[in-house]
């Protein structure tokens, strides 16, 4: 990971910031998740479990009042934007319109500024006022212990909804599920289609995925996820559709279409638990219709990607059944590291008789 930061992050930073980040101890660089930049404001580093202001000497300070934090000028911000855009703002206008630029390695720079409108829609951004450089940390095989719980008795994937608050690992886990299914790591390989509206799953850059999504995976990037799912269904004959952060009415229509076509959907949604998402009309409709057979609830309780529980929407809406390991050799305490498995409940689908090894550990969001 340190090599990734040196190769794919430092070259896009203005000189004084590049020097300061390079001076950070390796132990801090290994935990770095975000660099947040603003003109005439201290540089904020967000690490896995805390945040601090960056100093020129590679030290971090809890308070910017100490007077040692690195301040960037408006010229530094403009220089950073030019570096991120490879000195060609026009070439990246589509990405700017969506508020980010994807970097090599799958890292991403989120941007805020003044929106330039055309017929009521954002055409591009100018006068950039904030930059958030997010460090991508793909965690290969992080979904391996979870995946057997998401397959039926014929090893076909259940349609599954991953639920978590921000920065709890759902996108990382979703990406690895897509890769494992595509490459046939636990069962027969699947044709996977990814509807990647925000370029967060595959992190496409100039037609190439920057993050591992599998050999049999097709990616439709930068398109509204509902439209992307419909196009993938028509053109790529997927076995599984994967998409991130569903919630619009048109998303529900596309997911229903996939279900009627016999295609599994694995998606994510923001929320704290199954009860939280069930109170949202669009998601409530999908759950009550049986569009999803599994819900995986995640948290950061023991690090990003902590699996709190796996539950099944009951046919009688408003009730839940929890996946149990009763009668199985699989150790749910390894999988549900955020909370004890609910062994008093009855599983509604067969579980594999053998486990996958270690349980889910820290997954970076």
Protein backbone atom coordinates (compact mmCIF):
# COMPACT_ATOMS: atom_id res chain seq x y z
CA UNK A 1 0.00 0.00 0.00
CA UNK A 2 2.86 2.38 0.73
CA UNK A 3 4.17 1.84 -2.79
CA UNK A 4 0.70 2.74 -4.15
CA UNK A 5 0.74 6.04 -2.27
CA UNK A 6 4.20 6.91 -3.59
CA UNK A 7 3.29 5.95 -7.18
CA UNK A 8 -0.31 7.12 -7.49
CA UNK A 9 -0.94 9.80 -4.86
CA UNK A 10 2.24 11.86 -4.34
CA UNK A 11 2.69 12.80 -8.05
CA UNK A 12 -0.71 14.56 -7.97
CA UNK A 13 0.12 16.77 -4.97
CA UNK A 14 1.75 20.22 -5.05
CA UNK A 15 5.42 20.19 -3.97
CA UNK A 16 5.13 21.25 -0.32
CA UNK A 17 2.23 18.87 0.33
CA UNK A 18 4.06 16.06 -1.47
CA UNK A 19 7.05 16.55 0.84
CA UNK A 20 4.89 16.62 3.97
CA UNK A 21 2.94 13.47 3.09
CA UNK A 22 6.13 11.62 2.14
CA UNK A 23 7.54 12.53 5.56
CA UNK A 24 4.70 10.79 7.43
CA UNK A 25 5.81 7.66 9.29
CA UNK A 26 5.02 4.43 7.46
CA UNK A 27 2.72 3.42 10.31
CA UNK A 28 0.51 6.47 9.62
CA UNK A 29 0.71 6.20 5.84
CA UNK A 30 -0.55 2.63 6.12
CA UNK A 31 -3.70 3.92 7.87
CA UNK A 32 -4.28 7.01 5.70
CA UNK A 33 -7.80 7.06 4.18
CA UNK A 34 -8.30 10.67 3.08
CA UNK A 35 -6.43 13.92 2.45
CA UNK A 36 -8.79 16.91 2.65
CA UNK A 37 -7.51 20.12 1.07
CA UNK A 38 -8.91 23.68 1.15
CA UNK A 39 -7.34 27.06 0.35
CA UNK A 40 -6.04 28.99 3.36
CA UNK A 41 -6.94 26.08 5.63
CA UNK A 42 -4.87 23.34 7.29
CA UNK A 43 -4.53 20.00 5.50
CA UNK A 44 -6.65 17.40 7.27
CA UNK A 45 -5.60 13.73 7.28
CA UNK A 46 -8.24 11.12 8.06
CA UNK A 47 -6.83 7.85 9.28
CA UNK A 48 -8.62 4.59 9.99
CA UNK A 49 -9.66 5.53 13.53
CA UNK A 50 -8.95 9.26 13.91
CA UNK A 51 -7.97 12.44 12.11
CA UNK A 52 -5.24 15.06 12.47
CA UNK A 53 -3.81 18.15 10.81
CA UNK A 54 -0.66 17.67 8.74
CA UNK A 55 2.55 19.60 9.46
CA UNK A 56 5.43 20.29 7.09
CA UNK A 57 7.74 17.99 9.03
CA UNK A 58 5.51 14.93 8.65
CA UNK A 59 4.13 15.35 12.17
CA UNK A 60 0.40 15.40 12.80
CA UNK A 61 -1.38 17.74 15.20
CA UNK A 62 -4.75 17.34 16.87
CA UNK A 63 -5.36 21.09 16.80
CA UNK A 64 -4.54 23.59 14.08
CA UNK A 65 -4.20 26.26 16.80
CA UNK A 66 -0.69 25.00 17.46
CA UNK A 67 0.41 27.00 14.40
CA UNK A 68 2.40 24.15 12.88
CA UNK A 69 -0.20 22.77 10.48
CA UNK A 70 0.45 23.08 6.76
CA UNK A 71 -1.70 25.72 5.03
CA UNK A 72 -2.36 25.57 1.28
CA UNK A 73 -2.94 28.64 -0.86
CA UNK A 74 -5.50 29.05 -3.63
CA UNK A 75 -2.59 28.63 -6.06
CA UNK A 76 -1.79 25.26 -4.43
CA UNK A 77 -5.40 24.13 -4.94
CA UNK A 78 -5.32 25.24 -8.59
CA UNK A 79 -2.00 23.42 -9.09
CA UNK A 80 -3.47 20.26 -7.52
CA UNK A 81 -6.48 20.35 -9.85
CA UNK A 82 -4.19 20.68 -12.89
CA UNK A 83 -2.08 17.76 -11.67
CA UNK A 84 -5.19 15.62 -11.08
CA UNK A 85 -6.44 16.44 -14.60
CA UNK A 86 -3.07 15.76 -16.24
CA UNK A 87 -2.95 19.46 -17.19
CA UNK A 88 -6.11 19.15 -19.33
CA UNK A 89 -9.28 20.27 -17.52
CA UNK A 90 -11.30 19.92 -20.74
CA UNK A 91 -10.39 16.23 -21.11
CA UNK A 92 -11.85 15.50 -17.66
CA UNK A 93 -14.97 17.64 -17.97
CA UNK A 94 -17.34 14.67 -17.67
CA UNK A 95 -15.67 13.60 -14.43
CA UNK A 96 -15.65 17.16 -13.10
CA UNK A 97 -19.37 17.39 -13.80
CA UNK A 98 -19.87 14.39 -11.50
CA UNK A 99 -17.59 15.88 -8.85
CA UNK A 100 -14.55 13.61 -8.94
CA UNK A 101 -11.51 12.47 -10.89
CA UNK A 102 -10.41 8.81 -10.77
CA UNK A 103 -6.65 8.34 -10.36
CA UNK A 104 -4.47 5.40 -11.36
CA UNK A 105 -4.77 2.58 -8.86
CA UNK A 106 -8.44 3.31 -8.23
CA UNK A 107 -7.85 6.25 -5.89
CA UNK A 108 -10.20 9.19 -6.25
CA UNK A 109 -10.22 12.96 -5.82
CA UNK A 110 -13.61 14.42 -4.89
CA UNK A 111 -14.09 18.07 -5.79
CA UNK A 112 -16.31 20.94 -4.70
CA UNK A 113 -16.54 24.43 -6.15
CA UNK A 114 -18.81 26.63 -8.22
CA UNK A 115 -21.15 24.69 -10.48
CA UNK A 116 -21.50 25.85 -14.07
CA UNK A 117 -25.06 25.09 -15.18
CA UNK A 118 -26.41 24.36 -18.64
CA UNK A 119 -30.17 23.95 -19.08
CA UNK A 120 -30.50 23.41 -15.35
CA UNK A 121 -27.86 20.66 -15.13
CA UNK A 122 -24.25 20.81 -13.95
CA UNK A 123 -21.94 21.05 -16.97
CA UNK A 124 -18.69 21.35 -15.01
CA UNK A 125 -17.11 22.76 -11.84
CA UNK A 126 -14.85 25.76 -11.57
CA UNK A 127 -13.26 27.80 -8.77
CA UNK A 128 -12.49 24.58 -6.88
CA UNK A 129 -12.78 25.16 -3.13
CA UNK A 130 -12.32 21.65 -1.66
CA UNK A 131 -10.47 18.51 -2.68
CA UNK A 132 -10.86 15.17 -0.91
CA UNK A 133 -8.31 12.57 -2.03
CA UNK A 134 -9.56 9.15 -0.97
CA UNK A 135 -7.09 6.28 -0.75
CA UNK A 136 -8.49 3.07 -2.29
CA UNK A 137 -7.59 -0.08 -0.39
CA UNK A 138 -8.94 -3.19 -2.12
CA UNK A 139 -9.01 -6.06 0.34
CA UNK A 140 -8.71 -9.21 -1.76
CA UNK A 141 -10.66 -12.19 -0.36
CA UNK A 142 -12.28 -10.09 2.37
CA UNK A 143 -15.65 -11.49 1.23
CA UNK A 144 -14.47 -15.10 1.16
CA UNK A 145 -15.78 -16.07 4.63
CA UNK A 146 -19.12 -14.38 3.92
CA UNK A 147 -19.80 -15.70 0.43
CA UNK A 148 -21.00 -19.24 1.35
CA UNK A 149 -23.79 -17.63 3.37
CA UNK A 150 -24.96 -15.85 0.21
CA UNK A 151 -25.28 -18.99 -1.96
CA UNK A 152 -28.22 -21.38 -2.17
CA UNK A 153 -27.97 -25.19 -2.03
CA UNK A 154 -27.00 -25.25 -5.74
CA UNK A 155 -24.28 -22.62 -5.12
CA UNK A 156 -26.26 -19.93 -6.95
CA UNK A 157 -26.03 -16.45 -5.42
CA UNK A 158 -28.98 -15.08 -3.49
CA UNK A 159 -30.00 -11.54 -4.35
CA UNK A 160 -28.37 -9.69 -1.47
CA UNK A 161 -28.48 -6.20 0.01
CA UNK A 162 -25.46 -4.93 1.98
CA UNK A 163 -26.48 -2.31 4.53
CA UNK A 164 -24.07 -0.04 6.38
CA UNK A 165 -23.44 3.55 7.44
CA UNK A 166 -20.74 5.50 5.55
CA UNK A 167 -17.14 4.25 5.77
CA UNK A 168 -18.15 0.82 7.05
CA UNK A 169 -16.77 -1.17 4.12
CA UNK A 170 -19.82 -1.97 1.99
CA UNK A 171 -18.26 -0.88 -1.32
CA UNK A 172 -15.06 -2.82 -0.65
CA UNK A 173 -17.05 -5.92 0.30
CA UNK A 174 -19.38 -5.54 -2.69
CA UNK A 175 -16.43 -5.29 -5.07
CA UNK A 176 -14.82 -8.43 -3.66
CA UNK A 177 -18.09 -10.39 -3.88
CA UNK A 178 -18.26 -9.44 -7.57
CA UNK A 179 -14.66 -10.59 -8.11
CA UNK A 180 -15.11 -13.89 -6.27
CA UNK A 181 -18.29 -14.74 -8.19
CA UNK A 182 -16.73 -13.73 -11.50
CA UNK A 183 -13.59 -15.77 -10.97
CA UNK A 184 -15.43 -18.79 -9.55
CA UNK A 185 -13.50 -18.80 -6.29
CA UNK A 186 -16.15 -20.71 -4.32
CA UNK A 187 -18.50 -22.07 -6.99
CA UNK A 188 -18.96 -22.13 -10.77
CA UNK A 189 -17.89 -18.80 -12.33
CA UNK A 190 -20.65 -16.27 -13.02
CA UNK A 191 -21.02 -13.61 -15.67
CA UNK A 192 -21.12 -10.41 -13.62
CA UNK A 193 -22.34 -7.00 -14.74
CA UNK A 194 -21.42 -3.96 -12.64
CA UNK A 195 -23.54 -0.81 -12.90
CA UNK A 196 -20.95 1.65 -11.60
CA UNK A 197 -22.67 5.04 -11.57
CA UNK A 198 -20.04 6.77 -9.43
CA UNK A 199 -16.99 4.82 -10.64
CA UNK A 200 -16.40 3.53 -7.11
CA UNK A 201 -16.58 -0.23 -7.68
CA UNK A 202 -14.25 -0.73 -10.64
CA UNK A 203 -12.74 2.80 -10.67
CA UNK A 204 -12.56 2.88 -14.46
CA UNK A 205 -9.90 5.14 -15.95
CA UNK A 206 -9.63 5.43 -19.72
CA UNK A 207 -11.52 2.17 -20.21
CA UNK A 208 -9.53 0.10 -17.72
CA UNK A 209 -10.71 -0.99 -14.25
CA UNK A 210 -8.21 0.21 -11.67
CA UNK A 211 -9.51 -2.19 -9.01
CA UNK A 212 -9.91 -6.00 -9.29
CA UNK A 213 -13.47 -6.97 -10.26
CA UNK A 214 -12.97 -10.37 -11.93
CA UNK A 215 -12.23 -11.84 -15.33
CA UNK A 216 -15.88 -12.37 -16.32
CA UNK A 217 -17.07 -8.95 -15.23
CA UNK A 218 -18.43 -6.26 -17.55
CA UNK A 219 -18.57 -2.69 -16.24
CA UNK A 220 -20.90 0.09 -17.35
CA UNK A 221 -19.37 3.21 -15.86
CA UNK A 222 -20.64 6.74 -15.25
CA UNK A 223 -24.26 5.95 -16.16
CA UNK A 224 -27.33 6.17 -13.92
CA UNK A 225 -27.44 2.79 -12.21
CA UNK A 226 -31.02 1.99 -13.24
CA UNK A 227 -30.24 2.64 -16.91
CA UNK A 228 -26.94 0.79 -16.60
CA UNK A 229 -28.66 -2.30 -15.16
CA UNK A 230 -31.19 -2.30 -18.01
CA UNK A 231 -28.41 -1.99 -20.62
CA UNK A 232 -26.38 -4.77 -19.02
CA UNK A 233 -29.44 -7.05 -18.94
CA UNK A 234 -30.07 -6.45 -22.64
CA UNK A 235 -26.51 -6.57 -23.93
CA UNK A 236 -24.26 -8.70 -21.70
CA UNK A 237 -26.52 -11.56 -20.45
CA UNK A 238 -25.22 -11.43 -16.86
CA UNK A 239 -25.88 -14.07 -14.22
CA UNK A 240 -25.42 -11.44 -11.51
CA UNK A 241 -25.84 -7.66 -11.45
CA UNK A 242 -23.85 -5.64 -8.92
CA UNK A 243 -24.48 -2.01 -8.04
CA UNK A 244 -23.82 0.41 -5.19
CA UNK A 245 -26.05 2.67 -3.08
CA UNK A 246 -29.53 2.00 -4.43
CA UNK A 247 -32.50 4.04 -3.30
CA UNK A 248 -34.34 5.65 -6.22
CA UNK A 249 -37.68 4.44 -7.58
CA UNK A 250 -36.10 3.71 -10.96
CA UNK A 251 -33.51 1.50 -9.24
CA UNK A 252 -36.34 -0.64 -7.88
CA UNK A 253 -37.85 -1.02 -11.36
CA UNK A 254 -34.52 -2.21 -12.79
CA UNK A 255 -34.00 -4.66 -9.90
CA UNK A 256 -37.49 -6.07 -10.41
CA UNK A 257 -36.73 -6.50 -14.12
CA UNK A 258 -33.57 -8.40 -13.24
CA UNK A 259 -35.50 -10.66 -10.85
CA UNK A 260 -38.05 -11.45 -13.56
CA UNK A 261 -35.17 -12.31 -15.90
CA UNK A 262 -33.71 -14.76 -13.35
CA UNK A 263 -30.68 -12.57 -12.65
CA UNK A 264 -29.41 -12.18 -9.09
CA UNK A 265 -28.77 -8.65 -7.84
CA UNK A 266 -26.17 -7.82 -5.22
CA UNK A 267 -26.42 -4.21 -4.12
CA UNK A 268 -25.69 -1.88 -1.23
CA UNK A 269 -27.62 0.84 0.57
CA UNK A 270 -26.86 3.37 3.26
CA UNK A 271 -28.43 2.49 6.59
CA UNK A 272 -27.69 1.40 10.12
CA UNK A 273 -29.59 -1.89 10.09
CA UNK A 274 -32.43 -3.83 8.48
CA UNK A 275 -35.07 -1.84 10.34
CA UNK A 276 -33.59 1.44 9.15
CA UNK A 277 -33.71 0.53 5.43
CA UNK A 278 -37.17 -1.00 5.82
CA UNK A 279 -38.55 2.43 6.71
CA UNK A 280 -37.61 3.85 3.29
CA UNK A 281 -40.44 3.44 0.78
CA UNK A 282 -38.36 2.27 -2.21
CA UNK A 283 -36.28 -0.22 -0.22
CA UNK A 284 -39.31 -1.35 1.77
CA UNK A 285 -41.07 -2.23 -1.48
CA UNK A 286 -38.10 -4.26 -2.70
CA UNK A 287 -37.81 -6.15 0.58
CA UNK A 288 -41.51 -6.91 0.84
CA UNK A 289 -41.63 -8.13 -2.77
CA UNK A 290 -38.86 -10.65 -2.14
CA UNK A 291 -36.38 -8.93 -4.46
CA UNK A 292 -33.64 -9.62 -1.89
CA UNK A 293 -33.24 -12.97 -0.11
CA UNK A 294 -30.38 -11.87 2.14
CA UNK A 295 -29.51 -8.68 3.99
CA UNK A 296 -26.00 -8.27 5.39
CA UNK A 297 -25.66 -5.58 8.08
CA UNK A 298 -22.19 -4.05 8.44
CA UNK A 299 -20.58 -1.65 10.91
CA UNK A 300 -17.16 -0.37 11.97
CA UNK A 301 -17.46 -1.89 15.46
CA UNK A 302 -14.31 -3.98 15.05
CA UNK A 303 -13.00 -2.11 12.03
CA UNK A 304 -14.58 -1.41 8.62
CA UNK A 305 -16.47 -4.40 7.28
CA UNK A 306 -17.57 -5.85 10.61
CA UNK A 307 -20.45 -8.23 9.80
CA UNK A 308 -23.09 -7.61 12.45
CA UNK A 309 -25.64 -10.14 11.16
CA UNK A 310 -27.22 -11.74 8.13
CA UNK A 311 -30.99 -11.70 7.92
CA UNK A 312 -33.78 -12.76 5.59
CA UNK A 313 -36.92 -10.70 4.92
CA UNK A 314 -39.88 -12.81 5.98
CA UNK A 315 -42.78 -13.33 3.58
CA UNK A 316 -44.93 -11.65 6.24
CA UNK A 317 -43.61 -8.12 5.88
CA UNK A 318 -42.14 -6.54 8.95
CA UNK A 319 -40.60 -9.70 10.36
CA UNK A 320 -37.07 -11.03 10.01
CA UNK A 321 -35.46 -14.43 10.11
CA UNK A 322 -31.78 -14.58 10.98
CA UNK A 323 -29.31 -16.92 9.34
CA UNK A 324 -28.10 -19.44 11.88
CA UNK A 325 -25.22 -21.88 11.92
CA UNK A 326 -27.10 -24.44 13.97
CA UNK A 327 -26.26 -27.91 12.69
CA UNK A 328 -23.37 -26.58 10.63
CA UNK A 329 -19.62 -26.74 11.07
CA UNK A 330 -19.36 -23.09 10.08
CA UNK A 331 -18.44 -20.85 12.99
CA UNK A 332 -20.74 -17.83 12.85
CA UNK A 333 -18.80 -16.12 15.61
CA UNK A 334 -15.99 -15.69 13.09
CA UNK A 335 -18.28 -14.29 10.46
CA UNK A 336 -20.48 -12.10 12.68
CA UNK A 337 -17.55 -10.54 14.47
CA UNK A 338 -19.61 -7.50 15.40
CA UNK A 339 -22.18 -9.46 17.37
CA UNK A 340 -23.13 -12.97 18.33
CA UNK A 341 -24.97 -15.04 15.76
CA UNK A 342 -28.65 -15.44 16.56
CA UNK A 343 -28.60 -19.18 17.00
CA UNK A 344 -32.07 -19.22 18.50
CA UNK A 345 -33.53 -18.35 15.11
CA UNK A 346 -34.04 -20.83 12.31
CA UNK A 347 -32.19 -20.45 9.04
CA UNK A 348 -34.45 -20.24 5.99
CA UNK A 349 -31.95 -21.69 3.52
CA UNK A 350 -29.34 -24.46 3.66
CA UNK A 351 -25.91 -23.36 4.78
CA UNK A 352 -22.67 -24.97 3.64
CA UNK A 353 -21.34 -27.75 5.81
CA UNK A 354 -17.80 -26.43 5.67
CA UNK A 355 -16.39 -23.04 6.53
CA UNK A 356 -14.06 -20.77 4.58
CA UNK A 357 -11.34 -20.25 7.15
CA UNK A 358 -10.82 -16.94 8.88
CA UNK A 359 -13.68 -14.58 9.51
CA UNK A 360 -14.08 -11.11 8.06
CA UNK A 361 -11.44 -8.76 9.29
CA UNK A 362 -10.95 -5.05 8.78
CA UNK A 363 -12.14 -4.00 5.31
CA UNK A 364 -11.32 -0.50 4.22
CA UNK A 365 -14.23 1.51 2.92
